[in-house]
Amino acid sequence: MNQNVTLESQALTKTYFSTEPPTEVLRGIDLSVRSGEFLVIMGASGSGKSTLLYSISGMDRPTDGKVLLDGRELTSLRDAEMAHVRLTQMGFVFQQAHFLGNLDVRDNILLPALKAASKENKNAAIARADALMDRFGIAHIKDHGVTQVSGGQLQRASICRALAGEPSVLFADEPTGALNSSMSTEVMDALTDVHRSGTTIVMVTHDPAVAARGERVIYLRDGVLVDSHEAGPWQAEQAQQREDDLQAWLRNLGF
């Protein structure tokens, strides 16, 4: 794997001043994500894991500190510039698909990719989205409405949408949180395939079975990065051992 740093945070803080006293959610997070890495963020409820994901992806602005993507400082960008970076260099998968009800599955996948593509590259973006639907086994539902497909199919469509713009980093916030175990496995198989193709993934989850897919797991407590667990590349035949090792590590941290 290329060990070059793709994404980095330096002394990242996030404080909400709407409470009295102010609430410190992130307290000086230093984090480096390697190019092509599958990084998982874990922690108890309220530990700051989703806030960290939103801050390093530019969806939320930190109170202090820096975020760099491929050496470019994101925290100094204007809102419109940051929106362009998210559209062209990042992909997002959330717990809920957030699809538009008036569009079919294919059009929902295509919408951000077409918005990001130049006029000359729109046909290539369409071909890429169709290829992704084939790759993840949802080409047969492309004309379906979003209420006519399963939760697992919708999340695979979310992954297609996130990848259609060829992002350098894919962010996933509890991507299996609303799914049953069978659908969860289906979605994680898709994300594992994405990672093996070279895409950097940063994922938040509370589920150790899901987190075991990652190469590295970091643990937050009260907005501080307290420990890191290196698991190495995913091997399906080692799934139970990986989960057992992760569970033991989490127990030692009081999870």
Protein backbone atom coordinates (compact mmCIF):
# COMPACT_ATOMS: atom_id res chain seq x y z
CA MET A 1 0.00 0.00 0.00
CA ASN A 2 1.13 3.54 -0.74
CA GLN A 3 2.07 4.97 2.64
CA ASN A 4 1.79 8.63 1.54
CA VAL A 5 -0.58 10.66 3.68
CA THR A 6 -3.83 11.51 1.91
CA LEU A 7 -5.68 13.22 4.76
CA GLU A 8 -4.35 14.86 7.88
CA SER A 9 -5.65 16.80 10.86
CA GLN A 10 -3.43 18.90 13.08
CA ALA A 11 -4.48 19.95 16.60
CA LEU A 12 -8.13 19.80 15.52
CA THR A 13 -10.66 21.18 17.99
CA LYS A 14 -14.40 21.63 17.90
CA THR A 15 -16.24 23.58 20.59
CA TYR A 16 -19.93 24.46 20.71
CA PHE A 17 -20.43 27.81 22.39
CA SER A 18 -24.22 27.60 22.41
CA THR A 19 -24.06 25.74 25.75
CA GLU A 20 -23.00 27.04 29.14
CA PRO A 21 -20.27 26.12 29.76
CA PRO A 22 -19.15 25.60 26.13
CA THR A 23 -18.98 21.96 25.02
CA GLU A 24 -15.59 20.73 23.82
CA VAL A 25 -16.29 17.88 21.41
CA LEU A 26 -12.84 17.51 19.83
CA ARG A 27 -9.72 18.34 21.84
CA GLY A 28 -6.64 18.64 19.67
CA ILE A 29 -6.88 15.66 17.33
CA ASP A 30 -3.74 14.80 15.35
CA LEU A 31 -4.53 12.19 12.72
CA SER A 32 -2.93 10.98 9.49
CA VAL A 33 -4.78 8.77 7.01
CA ARG A 34 -2.55 6.92 4.56
CA SER A 35 -3.34 6.80 0.87
CA GLY A 36 -5.41 3.67 0.18
CA GLU A 37 -6.05 2.98 3.87
CA PHE A 38 -9.33 1.73 5.38
CA LEU A 39 -9.53 3.64 8.68
CA VAL A 40 -12.32 3.10 11.21
CA ILE A 41 -13.26 5.59 13.94
CA MET A 42 -14.86 4.16 17.09
CA GLY A 43 -15.84 5.39 20.53
CA ALA A 44 -18.75 5.51 22.93
CA SER A 45 -21.78 7.67 22.17
CA GLY A 46 -20.80 11.32 22.52
CA SER A 47 -17.08 10.65 22.09
CA GLY A 48 -16.85 12.92 19.04
CA LYS A 49 -16.40 10.30 16.31
CA SER A 50 -19.01 11.68 13.90
CA THR A 51 -17.89 15.24 14.63
CA LEU A 52 -14.34 14.21 13.69
CA LEU A 53 -15.60 12.68 10.43
CA TYR A 54 -17.57 15.81 9.55
CA SER A 55 -14.65 18.08 10.46
CA ILE A 56 -12.01 16.29 8.39
CA SER A 57 -14.39 16.00 5.43
CA GLY A 58 -15.21 19.71 5.43
CA MET A 59 -18.89 19.16 6.21
CA ASP A 60 -18.38 21.06 9.44
CA ARG A 61 -15.73 23.65 10.25
CA PRO A 62 -13.49 22.98 13.25
CA THR A 63 -13.02 25.66 15.88
CA ASP A 64 -9.25 25.48 15.57
CA GLY A 65 -6.54 23.40 13.95
CA LYS A 66 -5.94 22.37 10.35
CA VAL A 67 -7.17 19.74 7.89
CA LEU A 68 -5.07 18.91 4.83
CA LEU A 69 -6.05 16.80 1.81
CA ASP A 70 -3.10 15.81 -0.38
CA GLY A 71 -1.17 18.68 1.19
CA ARG A 72 -3.85 21.31 0.52
CA GLU A 73 -5.20 23.05 3.60
CA LEU A 74 -8.98 22.73 3.62
CA THR A 75 -9.71 24.76 6.74
CA SER A 76 -8.69 28.01 5.01
CA LEU A 77 -11.04 27.51 2.03
CA ARG A 78 -14.19 29.54 1.49
CA ASP A 79 -17.50 27.67 1.65
CA ALA A 80 -17.88 27.53 -2.14
CA GLU A 81 -14.33 26.23 -2.55
CA MET A 82 -14.88 23.58 0.11
CA ALA A 83 -18.14 22.52 -1.51
CA HIS A 84 -16.24 22.02 -4.79
CA VAL A 85 -13.63 19.85 -3.03
CA ARG A 86 -16.36 17.70 -1.49
CA LEU A 87 -18.07 17.33 -4.86
CA THR A 88 -14.96 16.46 -6.85
CA GLN A 89 -12.58 14.75 -4.41
CA MET A 90 -14.78 13.17 -1.73
CA GLY A 91 -17.58 10.64 -1.59
CA PHE A 92 -20.09 10.18 1.24
CA VAL A 93 -22.19 7.27 2.51
CA PHE A 94 -24.48 7.91 5.48
CA GLN A 95 -26.72 5.76 7.66
CA GLN A 96 -29.69 6.94 5.60
CA ALA A 97 -29.40 7.15 1.82
CA HIS A 98 -30.83 10.70 1.48
CA PHE A 99 -32.05 10.07 -2.06
CA LEU A 100 -34.51 12.30 -3.88
CA GLY A 101 -37.94 10.68 -4.02
CA ASN A 102 -38.83 12.17 -7.40
CA LEU A 103 -35.82 10.53 -9.12
CA ASP A 104 -35.20 6.86 -9.84
CA VAL A 105 -32.15 5.04 -8.45
CA ARG A 106 -29.96 5.68 -11.51
CA ASP A 107 -30.72 9.40 -11.64
CA ASN A 108 -29.98 9.74 -7.92
CA ILE A 109 -26.59 8.10 -8.50
CA LEU A 110 -25.86 10.28 -11.51
CA LEU A 111 -26.89 13.66 -10.09
CA PRO A 112 -23.69 14.64 -8.19
CA ALA A 113 -21.40 13.08 -10.81
CA LEU A 114 -23.02 15.10 -13.61
CA LYS A 115 -22.88 18.23 -11.51
CA ALA A 116 -19.14 17.72 -10.97
CA ALA A 117 -18.30 16.74 -14.56
CA SER A 118 -17.35 19.16 -17.29
CA LYS A 119 -19.51 19.22 -20.43
CA GLU A 120 -16.92 17.09 -22.24
CA ASN A 121 -16.84 14.47 -19.47
CA LYS A 122 -20.57 13.97 -18.85
CA ASN A 123 -20.80 10.89 -21.07
CA ALA A 124 -17.85 9.37 -19.24
CA ALA A 125 -19.57 10.07 -15.91
CA ILE A 126 -22.74 8.34 -17.12
CA ALA A 127 -20.74 5.31 -18.32
CA ARG A 128 -18.91 5.16 -14.99
CA ALA A 129 -22.17 5.24 -12.99
CA ASP A 130 -23.67 2.46 -15.14
CA ALA A 131 -20.51 0.38 -14.68
CA LEU A 132 -20.69 0.88 -10.91
CA MET A 133 -24.31 -0.29 -10.82
CA ASP A 134 -23.25 -3.42 -12.69
CA ARG A 135 -20.29 -3.93 -10.38
CA PHE A 136 -22.41 -3.78 -7.23
CA GLY A 137 -25.31 -5.78 -8.57
CA ILE A 138 -28.02 -3.12 -8.75
CA ALA A 139 -28.27 -2.50 -12.51
CA HIS A 140 -31.63 -4.33 -12.52
CA ILE A 141 -33.17 -1.74 -10.15
CA LYS A 142 -31.81 1.38 -11.86
CA ASP A 143 -35.28 2.47 -13.03
CA HIS A 144 -36.95 1.75 -9.68
CA GLY A 145 -38.12 4.43 -7.31
CA VAL A 146 -36.18 4.72 -4.05
CA THR A 147 -39.14 3.34 -2.07
CA GLN A 148 -39.29 0.21 -4.23
CA VAL A 149 -35.92 -1.28 -3.25
CA SER A 150 -34.40 -2.81 -0.12
CA GLY A 151 -32.25 -0.99 2.41
CA GLY A 152 -29.20 -2.97 1.32
CA GLN A 153 -29.80 -2.07 -2.32
CA LEU A 154 -30.19 1.60 -1.39
CA GLN A 155 -26.89 1.57 0.48
CA ARG A 156 -25.14 -0.08 -2.47
CA ALA A 157 -26.67 2.68 -4.61
CA SER A 158 -25.25 5.20 -2.10
CA ILE A 159 -21.81 3.67 -2.60
CA CYS A 160 -22.24 3.94 -6.39
CA ARG A 161 -23.26 7.59 -6.00
CA ALA A 162 -20.25 8.26 -3.77
CA LEU A 163 -17.84 6.64 -6.26
CA ALA A 164 -19.32 8.04 -9.48
CA GLY A 165 -17.22 11.18 -9.17
CA GLU A 166 -14.00 9.19 -8.65
CA PRO A 167 -13.22 10.57 -5.17
CA SER A 168 -9.81 10.21 -3.54
CA VAL A 169 -11.47 9.60 -0.15
CA LEU A 170 -14.77 7.90 0.71
CA PHE A 171 -16.33 8.89 4.05
CA ALA A 172 -18.92 6.58 5.64
CA ASP A 173 -20.91 7.44 8.78
CA GLU A 174 -22.59 4.36 10.29
CA PRO A 175 -23.29 2.94 6.80
CA THR A 176 -24.86 -0.23 8.26
CA GLY A 177 -26.58 1.37 11.24
CA ALA A 178 -30.11 1.00 9.81
CA LEU A 179 -29.61 -2.46 8.26
CA ASN A 180 -30.12 -6.03 9.43
CA SER A 181 -27.13 -8.38 9.64
CA SER A 182 -27.59 -9.82 6.14
CA MET A 183 -27.86 -6.39 4.51
CA SER A 184 -24.97 -5.13 6.65
CA THR A 185 -22.71 -7.89 5.31
CA GLU A 186 -23.83 -7.08 1.78
CA VAL A 187 -22.90 -3.42 2.18
CA MET A 188 -19.57 -4.15 3.89
CA ASP A 189 -18.66 -6.58 1.11
CA ALA A 190 -19.22 -3.71 -1.32
CA LEU A 191 -17.09 -1.30 0.74
CA THR A 192 -14.35 -3.92 1.04
CA ASP A 193 -14.36 -4.23 -2.75
CA VAL A 194 -14.11 -0.44 -3.04
CA HIS A 195 -11.11 -0.41 -0.72
CA ARG A 196 -9.36 -3.21 -2.58
CA SER A 197 -9.62 -1.15 -5.75
CA GLY A 198 -7.45 1.51 -4.07
CA THR A 199 -9.94 4.00 -2.61
CA THR A 200 -9.13 5.49 0.79
CA ILE A 201 -12.01 4.95 3.25
CA VAL A 202 -12.69 6.66 6.57
CA MET A 203 -15.66 5.11 8.39
CA VAL A 204 -17.45 5.69 11.69
CA THR A 205 -19.21 2.73 13.28
CA HIS A 206 -20.27 1.42 16.69
CA ASP A 207 -20.36 -2.20 15.47
CA PRO A 208 -17.18 -4.28 16.07
CA ALA A 209 -18.14 -6.77 13.33
CA VAL A 210 -18.27 -3.88 10.85
CA ALA A 211 -15.14 -2.22 12.28
CA ALA A 212 -13.20 -5.48 11.85
CA ARG A 213 -13.21 -4.83 8.08
CA GLY A 214 -10.87 -1.89 8.60
CA GLU A 215 -7.08 -2.00 8.43
CA ARG A 216 -6.75 0.37 11.38
CA VAL A 217 -9.20 1.33 14.12
CA ILE A 218 -8.77 4.46 16.23
CA TYR A 219 -10.64 5.05 19.47
CA LEU A 220 -11.92 8.39 20.74
CA ARG A 221 -12.86 9.17 24.32
CA ASP A 222 -14.23 12.61 25.27
CA GLY A 223 -12.88 14.12 22.08
CA VAL A 224 -9.36 12.75 22.48
CA LEU A 225 -7.69 10.04 20.37
CA VAL A 226 -6.63 7.53 23.03
CA ASP A 227 -5.48 4.43 21.13
CA SER A 228 -5.07 2.75 17.73
CA HIS A 229 -5.48 -0.89 16.67
CA GLU A 230 -3.67 -2.19 13.58
CA ALA A 231 -5.48 -5.13 11.94
CA GLY A 232 -3.90 -5.24 8.50
CA PRO A 233 -5.63 -6.13 5.21
CA TRP A 234 -9.02 -7.84 5.37
CA GLN A 235 -9.10 -11.61 4.91
CA ALA A 236 -12.57 -13.19 5.00
CA GLU A 237 -11.28 -16.46 6.46
CA GLN A 238 -9.91 -14.51 9.43
CA ALA A 239 -13.14 -12.60 10.08
CA GLN A 240 -13.96 -14.15 13.45
CA GLN A 241 -10.40 -13.86 14.75
CA ARG A 242 -10.22 -10.22 13.65
CA GLU A 243 -13.50 -9.44 15.41
CA ASP A 244 -12.39 -11.31 18.57
CA ASP A 245 -9.10 -9.40 18.66
CA LEU A 246 -10.90 -6.10 18.16
CA GLN A 247 -13.46 -6.91 20.85
CA ALA A 248 -10.67 -7.68 23.33
CA TRP A 249 -8.95 -4.38 22.50
CA LEU A 250 -12.24 -2.49 22.89
CA ARG A 251 -12.95 -4.13 26.27
CA ASN A 252 -9.57 -2.97 27.54
CA LEU A 253 -10.60 0.56 26.57
CA GLY A 254 -13.93 0.25 28.43
CA PHE A 255 -16.14 0.12 25.33
